[in-house]
């Protein structure tokens, strides 16, 4: 197990599979995800919004 500090520039990811374990008992049903972002000021918020718009646009292209 590793700990990742919530500092600027840090990111982590892990593979999800049918037998992955995240500290809870097995669950049958729809899986949901909660994502949290810490922002320091309005400049960071605007940057996040711009990136979100770009991601939304790119996803739209891939669905065609």
PDB file of N, CA and C in Angstrom:
ATOM      1  N   UNK A   1       0.850  -1.167   0.000  1.00  0.00           N
ATOM      2  CA  UNK A   1       0.000   0.000   0.000  1.00  0.00           C
ATOM      3  C   UNK A   1       0.900   1.235   0.000  1.00  0.00           C
ATOM      4  N   UNK A   2       0.451   2.292  -0.670  1.00  0.00           N
ATOM      5  CA  UNK A   2       1.212   3.544  -0.716  1.00  0.00           C
ATOM      6  C   UNK A   2       0.296   4.697  -0.339  1.00  0.00           C
ATOM      7  N   UNK A   3       0.882   5.740   0.198  1.00  0.00           N
ATOM      8  CA  UNK A   3       0.131   6.948   0.536  1.00  0.00           C
ATOM      9  C   UNK A   3       0.564   8.062  -0.400  1.00  0.00           C
ATOM     10  N   UNK A   4      -0.399   8.790  -0.952  1.00  0.00           N
ATOM     11  CA  UNK A   4      -0.113   9.898  -1.869  1.00  0.00           C
ATOM     12  C   UNK A   4      -0.580  11.178  -1.193  1.00  0.00           C
ATOM     13  N   UNK A   5       0.336  12.110  -0.983  1.00  0.00           N
ATOM     14  CA  UNK A   5      -0.040  13.364  -0.318  1.00  0.00           C
ATOM     15  C   UNK A   5      -0.802  14.262  -1.293  1.00  0.00           C
ATOM     16  N   UNK A   6      -1.785  15.027  -0.806  1.00  0.00           N
ATOM     17  CA  UNK A   6      -2.599  15.888  -1.676  1.00  0.00           C
ATOM     18  C   UNK A   6      -1.880  17.194  -2.012  1.00  0.00           C
ATOM     19  N   UNK A   7      -0.775  17.089  -2.724  1.00  0.00           N
ATOM     20  CA  UNK A   7      -0.001  18.259  -3.113  1.00  0.00           C
ATOM     21  C   UNK A   7      -0.126  18.490  -4.607  1.00  0.00           C
ATOM     22  N   UNK A   8       0.072  19.726  -5.011  1.00  0.00           N
ATOM     23  CA  UNK A   8      -0.019  20.086  -6.424  1.00  0.00           C
ATOM     24  C   UNK A   8       0.896  19.200  -7.256  1.00  0.00           C
ATOM     25  N   UNK A   9       0.359  18.651  -8.329  1.00  0.00           N
ATOM     26  CA  UNK A   9       1.135  17.829  -9.238  1.00  0.00           C
ATOM     27  C   UNK A   9       1.101  16.346  -8.948  1.00  0.00           C
ATOM     28  N   UNK A  10       0.605  15.951  -7.781  1.00  0.00           N
ATOM     29  CA  UNK A  10       0.525  14.531  -7.450  1.00  0.00           C
ATOM     30  C   UNK A  10      -0.742  13.935  -8.047  1.00  0.00           C
ATOM     31  N   UNK A  11      -0.618  12.731  -8.546  1.00  0.00           N
ATOM     32  CA  UNK A  11      -1.761  12.023  -9.107  1.00  0.00           C
ATOM     33  C   UNK A  11      -1.543  10.527  -8.884  1.00  0.00           C
ATOM     34  N   UNK A  12      -2.609   9.774  -8.841  1.00  0.00           N
ATOM     35  CA  UNK A  12      -2.466   8.324  -8.739  1.00  0.00           C
ATOM     36  C   UNK A  12      -3.595   7.662  -9.506  1.00  0.00           C
ATOM     37  N   UNK A  13      -3.376   6.421  -9.866  1.00  0.00           N
ATOM     38  CA  UNK A  13      -4.381   5.640 -10.589  1.00  0.00           C
ATOM     39  C   UNK A  13      -4.168   4.174 -10.248  1.00  0.00           C
ATOM     40  N   UNK A  14      -5.193   3.387 -10.420  1.00  0.00           N
ATOM     41  CA  UNK A  14      -5.064   1.949 -10.211  1.00  0.00           C
ATOM     42  C   UNK A  14      -5.994   1.250 -11.177  1.00  0.00           C
ATOM     43  N   UNK A  15      -5.648   0.040 -11.519  1.00  0.00           N
ATOM     44  CA  UNK A  15      -6.471  -0.754 -12.431  1.00  0.00           C
ATOM     45  C   UNK A  15      -7.676  -1.303 -11.696  1.00  0.00           C
ATOM     46  N   UNK A  16      -8.794  -1.336 -12.352  1.00  0.00           N
ATOM     47  CA  UNK A  16     -10.031  -1.880 -11.812  1.00  0.00           C
ATOM     48  C   UNK A  16     -10.312  -3.184 -12.535  1.00  0.00           C
ATOM     49  N   UNK A  17     -10.637  -4.209 -11.808  1.00  0.00           N
ATOM     50  CA  UNK A  17     -10.987  -5.484 -12.419  1.00  0.00           C
ATOM     51  C   UNK A  17     -12.103  -6.122 -11.608  1.00  0.00           C
ATOM     52  N   UNK A  18     -12.600  -7.232 -12.066  1.00  0.00           N
ATOM     53  CA  UNK A  18     -13.696  -7.896 -11.357  1.00  0.00           C
ATOM     54  C   UNK A  18     -13.259  -8.464 -10.020  1.00  0.00           C
ATOM     55  N   UNK A  19     -11.954  -8.653  -9.813  1.00  0.00           N
ATOM     56  CA  UNK A  19     -11.501  -9.179  -8.533  1.00  0.00           C
ATOM     57  C   UNK A  19     -10.648  -8.172  -7.761  1.00  0.00           C
ATOM     58  N   UNK A  20     -10.752  -6.892  -8.110  1.00  0.00           N
ATOM     59  CA  UNK A  20     -10.004  -5.884  -7.366  1.00  0.00           C
ATOM     60  C   UNK A  20     -10.654  -5.666  -6.001  1.00  0.00           C
ATOM     61  N   UNK A  21      -9.866  -5.209  -5.061  1.00  0.00           N
ATOM     62  CA  UNK A  21     -10.340  -5.035  -3.696  1.00  0.00           C
ATOM     63  C   UNK A  21      -9.903  -3.667  -3.203  1.00  0.00           C
ATOM     64  N   UNK A  22     -10.830  -2.889  -2.683  1.00  0.00           N
ATOM     65  CA  UNK A  22     -10.533  -1.534  -2.241  1.00  0.00           C
ATOM     66  C   UNK A  22     -10.912  -1.323  -0.784  1.00  0.00           C
ATOM     67  N   UNK A  23     -10.796  -2.351   0.016  1.00  0.00           N
ATOM     68  CA  UNK A  23     -11.051  -2.206   1.439  1.00  0.00           C
ATOM     69  C   UNK A  23     -12.501  -2.381   1.838  1.00  0.00           C
ATOM     70  N   UNK A  24     -13.300  -3.000   1.007  1.00  0.00           N
ATOM     71  CA  UNK A  24     -14.690  -3.257   1.369  1.00  0.00           C
ATOM     72  C   UNK A  24     -15.098  -4.628   0.862  1.00  0.00           C
ATOM     73  N   UNK A  25     -16.184  -5.113   1.372  1.00  0.00           N
ATOM     74  CA  UNK A  25     -16.652  -6.428   0.936  1.00  0.00           C
ATOM     75  C   UNK A  25     -17.166  -6.357  -0.491  1.00  0.00           C
ATOM     76  N   UNK A  26     -17.227  -7.494  -1.201  1.00  0.00           N
ATOM     77  CA  UNK A  26     -17.724  -7.505  -2.585  1.00  0.00           C
ATOM     78  C   UNK A  26     -19.119  -6.876  -2.675  1.00  0.00           C
ATOM     79  N   UNK A  27     -19.374  -6.230  -3.785  1.00  0.00           N
ATOM     80  CA  UNK A  27     -20.633  -5.526  -3.992  1.00  0.00           C
ATOM     81  C   UNK A  27     -21.258  -5.965  -5.301  1.00  0.00           C
ATOM     82  N   UNK A  28     -22.545  -6.232  -5.276  1.00  0.00           N
ATOM     83  CA  UNK A  28     -23.277  -6.586  -6.488  1.00  0.00           C
ATOM     84  C   UNK A  28     -24.194  -5.423  -6.806  1.00  0.00           C
ATOM     85  N   UNK A  29     -24.100  -4.888  -8.022  1.00  0.00           N
ATOM     86  CA  UNK A  29     -24.931  -3.765  -8.418  1.00  0.00           C
ATOM     87  C   UNK A  29     -24.125  -2.719  -9.155  1.00  0.00           C
ATOM     88  N   UNK A  30     -24.718  -1.580  -9.327  1.00  0.00           N
ATOM     89  CA  UNK A  30     -24.072  -0.490 -10.055  1.00  0.00           C
ATOM     90  C   UNK A  30     -22.933   0.104  -9.231  1.00  0.00           C
ATOM     91  N   UNK A  31     -21.780   0.286  -9.870  1.00  0.00           N
ATOM     92  CA  UNK A  31     -20.646   0.920  -9.199  1.00  0.00           C
ATOM     93  C   UNK A  31     -20.688   2.412  -9.492  1.00  0.00           C
ATOM     94  N   UNK A  32     -20.365   3.208  -8.489  1.00  0.00           N
ATOM     95  CA  UNK A  32     -20.315   4.663  -8.647  1.00  0.00           C
ATOM     96  C   UNK A  32     -18.983   5.176  -8.133  1.00  0.00           C
ATOM     97  N   UNK A  33     -18.582   6.336  -8.629  1.00  0.00           N
ATOM     98  CA  UNK A  33     -17.296   6.918  -8.272  1.00  0.00           C
ATOM     99  C   UNK A  33     -17.507   8.345  -7.791  1.00  0.00           C
ATOM    100  N   UNK A  34     -16.777   8.734  -6.765  1.00  0.00           N
ATOM    101  CA  UNK A  34     -16.775  10.110  -6.283  1.00  0.00           C
ATOM    102  C   UNK A  34     -15.376  10.657  -6.505  1.00  0.00           C
ATOM    103  N   UNK A  35     -15.278  11.789  -7.196  1.00  0.00           N
ATOM    104  CA  UNK A  35     -13.992  12.426  -7.439  1.00  0.00           C
ATOM    105  C   UNK A  35     -13.987  13.784  -6.748  1.00  0.00           C
ATOM    106  N   UNK A  36     -12.874  14.116  -6.143  1.00  0.00           N
ATOM    107  CA  UNK A  36     -12.748  15.373  -5.404  1.00  0.00           C
ATOM    108  C   UNK A  36     -11.573  16.155  -5.963  1.00  0.00           C
ATOM    109  N   UNK A  37     -11.760  17.464  -6.117  1.00  0.00           N
ATOM    110  CA  UNK A  37     -10.685  18.341  -6.583  1.00  0.00           C
ATOM    111  C   UNK A  37     -10.550  19.491  -5.605  1.00  0.00           C
ATOM    112  N   UNK A  38      -9.322  19.768  -5.168  1.00  0.00           N
ATOM    113  CA  UNK A  38      -9.056  20.909  -4.312  1.00  0.00           C
ATOM    114  C   UNK A  38      -8.546  22.036  -5.182  1.00  0.00           C
ATOM    115  N   UNK A  39      -9.149  23.201  -5.064  1.00  0.00           N
ATOM    116  CA  UNK A  39      -8.729  24.379  -5.825  1.00  0.00           C
ATOM    117  C   UNK A  39      -8.316  25.472  -4.853  1.00  0.00           C
ATOM    118  N   UNK A  40      -7.269  26.178  -5.203  1.00  0.00           N
ATOM    119  CA  UNK A  40      -6.746  27.199  -4.303  1.00  0.00           C
ATOM    120  C   UNK A  40      -7.311  28.583  -4.561  1.00  0.00           C
ATOM    121  N   UNK A  41      -7.695  28.858  -5.818  1.00  0.00           N
ATOM    122  CA  UNK A  41      -8.190  30.201  -6.117  1.00  0.00           C
ATOM    123  C   UNK A  41      -9.009  30.186  -7.403  1.00  0.00           C
ATOM    124  N   UNK A  42      -9.521  31.347  -7.800  1.00  0.00           N
ATOM    125  CA  UNK A  42     -10.380  31.463  -8.980  1.00  0.00           C
ATOM    126  C   UNK A  42      -9.623  31.110 -10.260  1.00  0.00           C
ATOM    127  N   UNK A  43      -8.328  31.378 -10.307  1.00  0.00           N
ATOM    128  CA  UNK A  43      -7.527  31.036 -11.493  1.00  0.00           C
ATOM    129  C   UNK A  43      -7.511  29.518 -11.695  1.00  0.00           C
ATOM    130  N   UNK A  44      -7.312  28.772 -10.619  1.00  0.00           N
ATOM    131  CA  UNK A  44      -7.342  27.314 -10.706  1.00  0.00           C
ATOM    132  C   UNK A  44      -8.714  26.808 -11.133  1.00  0.00           C
ATOM    133  N   UNK A  45      -9.773  27.445 -10.622  1.00  0.00           N
ATOM    134  CA  UNK A  45     -11.130  27.051 -10.985  1.00  0.00           C
ATOM    135  C   UNK A  45     -11.363  27.246 -12.478  1.00  0.00           C
ATOM    136  N   UNK A  46     -10.939  28.363 -13.028  1.00  0.00           N
ATOM    137  CA  UNK A  46     -11.135  28.620 -14.457  1.00  0.00           C
ATOM    138  C   UNK A  46     -10.336  27.633 -15.310  1.00  0.00           C
ATOM    139  N   UNK A  47      -9.122  27.334 -14.890  1.00  0.00           N
ATOM    140  CA  UNK A  47      -8.308  26.348 -15.619  1.00  0.00           C
ATOM    141  C   UNK A  47      -9.010  24.990 -15.624  1.00  0.00           C
ATOM    142  N   UNK A  48      -9.565  24.608 -14.484  1.00  0.00           N
ATOM    143  CA  UNK A  48     -10.290  23.339 -14.380  1.00  0.00           C
ATOM    144  C   UNK A  48     -11.521  23.336 -15.288  1.00  0.00           C
ATOM    145  N   UNK A  49     -12.238  24.438 -15.330  1.00  0.00           N
ATOM    146  CA  UNK A  49     -13.419  24.529 -16.205  1.00  0.00           C
ATOM    147  C   UNK A  49     -13.039  24.420 -17.673  1.00  0.00           C
ATOM    148  N   UNK A  50     -11.963  25.086 -18.067  1.00  0.00           N
ATOM    149  CA  UNK A  50     -11.511  25.031 -19.458  1.00  0.00           C
ATOM    150  C   UNK A  50     -11.119  23.607 -19.854  1.00  0.00           C
ATOM    151  N   UNK A  51     -10.395  22.931 -18.989  1.00  0.00           N
ATOM    152  CA  UNK A  51     -10.002  21.550 -19.272  1.00  0.00           C
ATOM    153  C   UNK A  51     -11.227  20.645 -19.346  1.00  0.00           C
ATOM    154  N   UNK A  52     -12.217  20.900 -18.493  1.00  0.00           N
ATOM    155  CA  UNK A  52     -13.444  20.109 -18.519  1.00  0.00           C
ATOM    156  C   UNK A  52     -14.208  20.295 -19.823  1.00  0.00           C
ATOM    157  N   UNK A  53     -14.255  21.534 -20.302  1.00  0.00           N
ATOM    158  CA  UNK A  53     -14.927  21.799 -21.584  1.00  0.00           C
ATOM    159  C   UNK A  53     -14.215  21.081 -22.718  1.00  0.00           C
ATOM    160  N   UNK A  54     -12.885  21.112 -22.699  1.00  0.00           N
ATOM    161  CA  UNK A  54     -12.109  20.426 -23.733  1.00  0.00           C
ATOM    162  C   UNK A  54     -12.357  18.926 -23.686  1.00  0.00           C
ATOM    163  N   UNK A  55     -12.337  18.343 -22.498  1.00  0.00           N
ATOM    164  CA  UNK A  55     -12.582  16.906 -22.358  1.00  0.00           C
ATOM    165  C   UNK A  55     -13.979  16.547 -22.863  1.00  0.00           C
ATOM    166  N   UNK A  56     -14.977  17.359 -22.516  1.00  0.00           N
ATOM    167  CA  UNK A  56     -16.348  17.117 -22.964  1.00  0.00           C
ATOM    168  C   UNK A  56     -16.421  17.140 -24.490  1.00  0.00           C
ATOM    169  N   UNK A  57     -15.752  18.112 -25.109  1.00  0.00           N
ATOM    170  CA  UNK A  57     -15.751  18.247 -26.568  1.00  0.00           C
ATOM    171  C   UNK A  57     -15.070  17.043 -27.220  1.00  0.00           C
ATOM    172  N   UNK A  58     -13.916  16.637 -26.686  1.00  0.00           N
ATOM    173  CA  UNK A  58     -13.194  15.493 -27.251  1.00  0.00           C
ATOM    174  C   UNK A  58     -13.996  14.206 -27.121  1.00  0.00           C
ATOM    175  N   UNK A  59     -14.660  14.009 -25.999  1.00  0.00           N
ATOM    176  CA  UNK A  59     -15.487  12.824 -25.821  1.00  0.00           C
ATOM    177  C   UNK A  59     -16.619  12.807 -26.838  1.00  0.00           C
ATOM    178  N   UNK A  60     -17.153  13.975 -27.151  1.00  0.00           N
ATOM    179  CA  UNK A  60     -18.202  14.059 -28.171  1.00  0.00           C
ATOM    180  C   UNK A  60     -17.701  13.616 -29.531  1.00  0.00           C
ATOM    181  N   UNK A  61     -16.471  13.944 -29.858  1.00  0.00           N
ATOM    182  CA  UNK A  61     -15.890  13.521 -31.130  1.00  0.00           C
ATOM    183  C   UNK A  61     -15.739  12.004 -31.188  1.00  0.00           C
ATOM    184  N   UNK A  62     -15.361  11.420 -30.087  1.00  0.00           N
ATOM    185  CA  UNK A  62     -15.125   9.960 -30.045  1.00  0.00           C
ATOM    186  C   UNK A  62     -16.422   9.165 -30.134  1.00  0.00           C
ATOM    187  N   UNK A  63     -17.529   9.759 -29.753  1.00  0.00           N
ATOM    188  CA  UNK A  63     -18.810   9.048 -29.781  1.00  0.00           C
ATOM    189  C   UNK A  63     -19.404   8.961 -31.189  1.00  0.00           C
ATOM    190  N   UNK A  64     -18.894   9.735 -32.095  1.00  0.00           N
ATOM    191  CA  UNK A  64     -19.474   9.777 -33.456  1.00  0.00           C
ATOM    192  C   UNK A  64     -19.117   8.566 -34.262  1.00  0.00           C
TER     193      UNK A  64
END
